[in-house]
C-alpha cells in the first residue's frame, strides 16, 4: 500500500515537472519575441482558414503570395501581417508537411540563428534553420510537398 502511494506520488511529480518545463521543443519567450510569436501565429491561422474556405476545396495555399492575396482580398489581413516584426522581411512558406498540419511558415532571417515558425507544432516555436529544413524534408517523405515553395 505504501509502495503504491509512493509510486503514484512519483508519477504526479514527474508529470508536474514535464508540465512546468515543457518538452524542450522550440523556445517560447517574451518581449519582442513574444510579439513576433503572436504575429506569425496569425499567418498560420490564416493558412488554416484558407484551407477551410469552401472556395479553396480543402487545399492549402500553394505559396505565401497566394495566402497573402486571399487574406487581403477577404479583408482578413494587410501586407504588414506577412512581414516579420523582428527581421522586417517577408515570411517564407515551405511546402506542406502533411495534409493535416499544412505548410511551415517562418521568418526569413529571424534573430540569433533562430526563426519563429508556425506549422511544425500546434503553437509557434523558435527553431534553427536545420530543424526547419529537416521538418520540411520529413513532410516530403510522408507524402507532403516538402521543400521551399516561396521566399528564398
Protein backbone atom coordinates (compact mmCIF):
# COMPACT_ATOMS: atom_id res chain seq x y z
CA UNK A 1 0.00 0.00 0.00
CA UNK A 2 2.80 2.41 0.92
CA UNK A 3 4.66 1.42 -2.24
CA UNK A 4 1.59 2.20 -4.41
CA UNK A 5 1.23 5.66 -2.83
CA UNK A 6 4.95 6.32 -3.34
CA UNK A 7 4.73 5.28 -6.99
CA UNK A 8 1.67 7.49 -7.57
CA UNK A 9 3.46 10.44 -5.95
CA UNK A 10 6.47 9.92 -8.23
CA UNK A 11 4.25 9.83 -11.32
CA UNK A 12 2.46 13.02 -10.28
CA UNK A 13 5.75 14.81 -9.62
CA UNK A 14 7.16 13.71 -12.97
CA UNK A 15 4.02 14.91 -14.74
CA UNK A 16 4.18 18.25 -12.97
CA UNK A 17 7.85 18.62 -13.90
CA UNK A 18 7.11 17.97 -17.60
CA UNK A 19 4.16 20.39 -17.48
CA UNK A 20 6.22 23.17 -15.91
CA UNK A 21 9.33 22.77 -18.07
CA UNK A 22 7.68 21.81 -21.37
CA UNK A 23 9.02 19.29 -23.82
CA UNK A 24 12.04 21.38 -24.80
CA UNK A 25 10.96 21.86 -28.43
CA UNK A 26 11.24 25.43 -29.60
CA UNK A 27 11.84 28.39 -27.34
CA UNK A 28 8.91 30.47 -26.17
CA UNK A 29 9.93 33.83 -24.78
CA UNK A 30 8.61 37.28 -24.02
CA UNK A 31 9.32 40.79 -25.23
CA UNK A 32 9.81 41.32 -28.94
CA UNK A 33 9.96 37.55 -29.45
CA UNK A 34 6.53 37.19 -27.86
CA UNK A 35 5.20 39.90 -30.17
CA UNK A 36 6.59 38.03 -33.18
CA UNK A 37 5.14 34.74 -31.94
CA UNK A 38 1.65 36.26 -31.93
CA UNK A 39 2.29 37.93 -35.29
CA UNK A 40 3.31 34.75 -37.09
CA UNK A 41 0.54 32.78 -35.37
CA UNK A 42 -1.97 35.00 -37.17
CA UNK A 43 -0.45 33.97 -40.52
CA UNK A 44 -0.64 30.30 -39.53
CA UNK A 45 -4.27 30.79 -38.54
CA UNK A 46 -4.93 32.45 -41.90
CA UNK A 47 -3.42 29.45 -43.70
CA UNK A 48 -5.80 27.15 -41.80
CA UNK A 49 -8.72 29.45 -42.63
CA UNK A 50 -7.72 29.39 -46.31
CA UNK A 51 -7.71 25.60 -46.15
CA UNK A 52 -11.23 25.52 -44.65
CA UNK A 53 -12.69 28.03 -47.13
CA UNK A 54 -15.08 26.06 -49.39
CA UNK A 55 -13.88 28.06 -52.40
CA UNK A 56 -10.40 26.54 -51.93
CA UNK A 57 -11.70 22.95 -51.85
CA UNK A 58 -9.69 21.95 -48.75
CA UNK A 59 -6.40 22.85 -50.44
CA UNK A 60 -3.59 24.62 -48.60
CA UNK A 61 -2.19 27.80 -50.19
CA UNK A 62 0.49 26.93 -52.76
CA UNK A 63 2.76 29.76 -51.58
CA UNK A 64 2.87 32.77 -49.27
CA UNK A 65 1.78 35.14 -52.07
CA UNK A 66 -1.39 33.10 -52.69
CA UNK A 67 -2.21 33.19 -48.98
CA UNK A 68 -1.46 36.92 -48.75
CA UNK A 69 -3.63 37.78 -51.78
CA UNK A 70 -6.53 35.71 -50.42
CA UNK A 71 -6.30 37.20 -46.91
CA UNK A 72 -6.09 40.80 -48.17
CA UNK A 73 -8.98 40.27 -50.62
CA UNK A 74 -11.12 38.88 -47.77
CA UNK A 75 -10.11 41.85 -45.51
CA UNK A 76 -8.55 39.44 -43.00
CA UNK A 77 -5.02 40.86 -43.21
CA UNK A 78 -2.76 43.59 -44.54
CA UNK A 79 0.63 43.46 -46.26
CA UNK A 80 2.29 44.11 -42.87
CA UNK A 81 0.82 40.90 -41.45
CA UNK A 82 3.11 38.93 -43.77
CA UNK A 83 6.33 40.66 -42.67
CA UNK A 84 8.26 39.68 -39.54
CA UNK A 85 8.27 42.21 -36.74
CA UNK A 86 11.87 41.23 -35.89
CA UNK A 87 13.84 40.90 -39.12
CA UNK A 88 11.43 43.09 -41.14
CA UNK A 89 11.49 40.58 -44.02
CA UNK A 90 8.54 38.78 -45.64
CA UNK A 91 7.71 35.37 -44.20
CA UNK A 92 8.82 32.23 -46.03
CA UNK A 93 6.48 29.31 -46.70
CA UNK A 94 7.77 25.77 -47.04
CA UNK A 95 5.78 23.03 -48.69
CA UNK A 96 3.01 21.14 -46.98
CA UNK A 97 4.34 18.98 -44.15
CA UNK A 98 1.16 16.90 -44.05
CA UNK A 99 -2.45 17.26 -45.15
CA UNK A 100 -3.43 17.88 -41.52
CA UNK A 101 -0.60 20.21 -40.46
CA UNK A 102 -0.37 22.34 -43.59
CA UNK A 103 2.65 24.39 -44.61
CA UNK A 104 5.57 25.54 -42.50
CA UNK A 105 5.73 29.33 -42.34
CA UNK A 106 8.79 31.02 -40.80
CA UNK A 107 10.82 34.18 -40.55
CA UNK A 108 13.37 34.56 -43.33
CA UNK A 109 16.31 35.56 -41.09
CA UNK A 110 14.97 35.70 -37.54
CA UNK A 111 17.35 36.58 -34.73
CA UNK A 112 20.47 34.91 -33.32
CA UNK A 113 20.17 31.97 -35.72
CA UNK A 114 16.59 31.18 -34.71
CA UNK A 115 13.38 31.85 -36.59
CA UNK A 116 9.80 31.91 -35.37
CA UNK A 117 7.98 29.09 -37.10
CA UNK A 118 4.36 28.02 -37.36
CA UNK A 119 3.04 24.78 -38.82
CA UNK A 120 5.57 22.37 -37.30
CA UNK A 121 3.80 22.22 -33.93
CA UNK A 122 0.40 23.34 -32.63
CA UNK A 123 1.83 26.67 -31.40
CA UNK A 124 4.59 28.81 -32.92
CA UNK A 125 8.13 28.00 -31.78
CA UNK A 126 11.60 29.38 -32.41
CA UNK A 127 13.70 26.91 -34.38
CA UNK A 128 17.04 26.90 -36.13
CA UNK A 129 17.19 26.56 -39.91
CA UNK A 130 18.40 22.94 -39.78
CA UNK A 131 15.38 21.85 -37.73
CA UNK A 132 13.01 23.66 -40.10
CA UNK A 133 14.62 22.09 -43.18
CA UNK A 134 14.54 18.62 -41.60
CA UNK A 135 10.83 19.00 -40.83
CA UNK A 136 10.15 20.04 -44.41
CA UNK A 137 12.13 17.02 -45.65
CA UNK A 138 10.14 14.66 -43.41
CA UNK A 139 6.95 16.16 -44.81
CA UNK A 140 8.06 15.34 -48.33
CA UNK A 141 8.84 11.74 -47.34
CA UNK A 142 5.37 11.40 -45.75
CA UNK A 143 3.61 12.50 -48.93
CA UNK A 144 3.53 16.25 -48.36
CA UNK A 145 5.05 18.72 -50.81
CA UNK A 146 8.07 19.46 -48.62
CA UNK A 147 10.79 21.83 -49.78
CA UNK A 148 10.64 25.58 -50.32
CA UNK A 149 7.70 26.96 -52.23
CA UNK A 150 8.31 30.66 -51.66
CA UNK A 151 10.55 33.17 -50.03
CA UNK A 152 14.11 32.09 -50.94
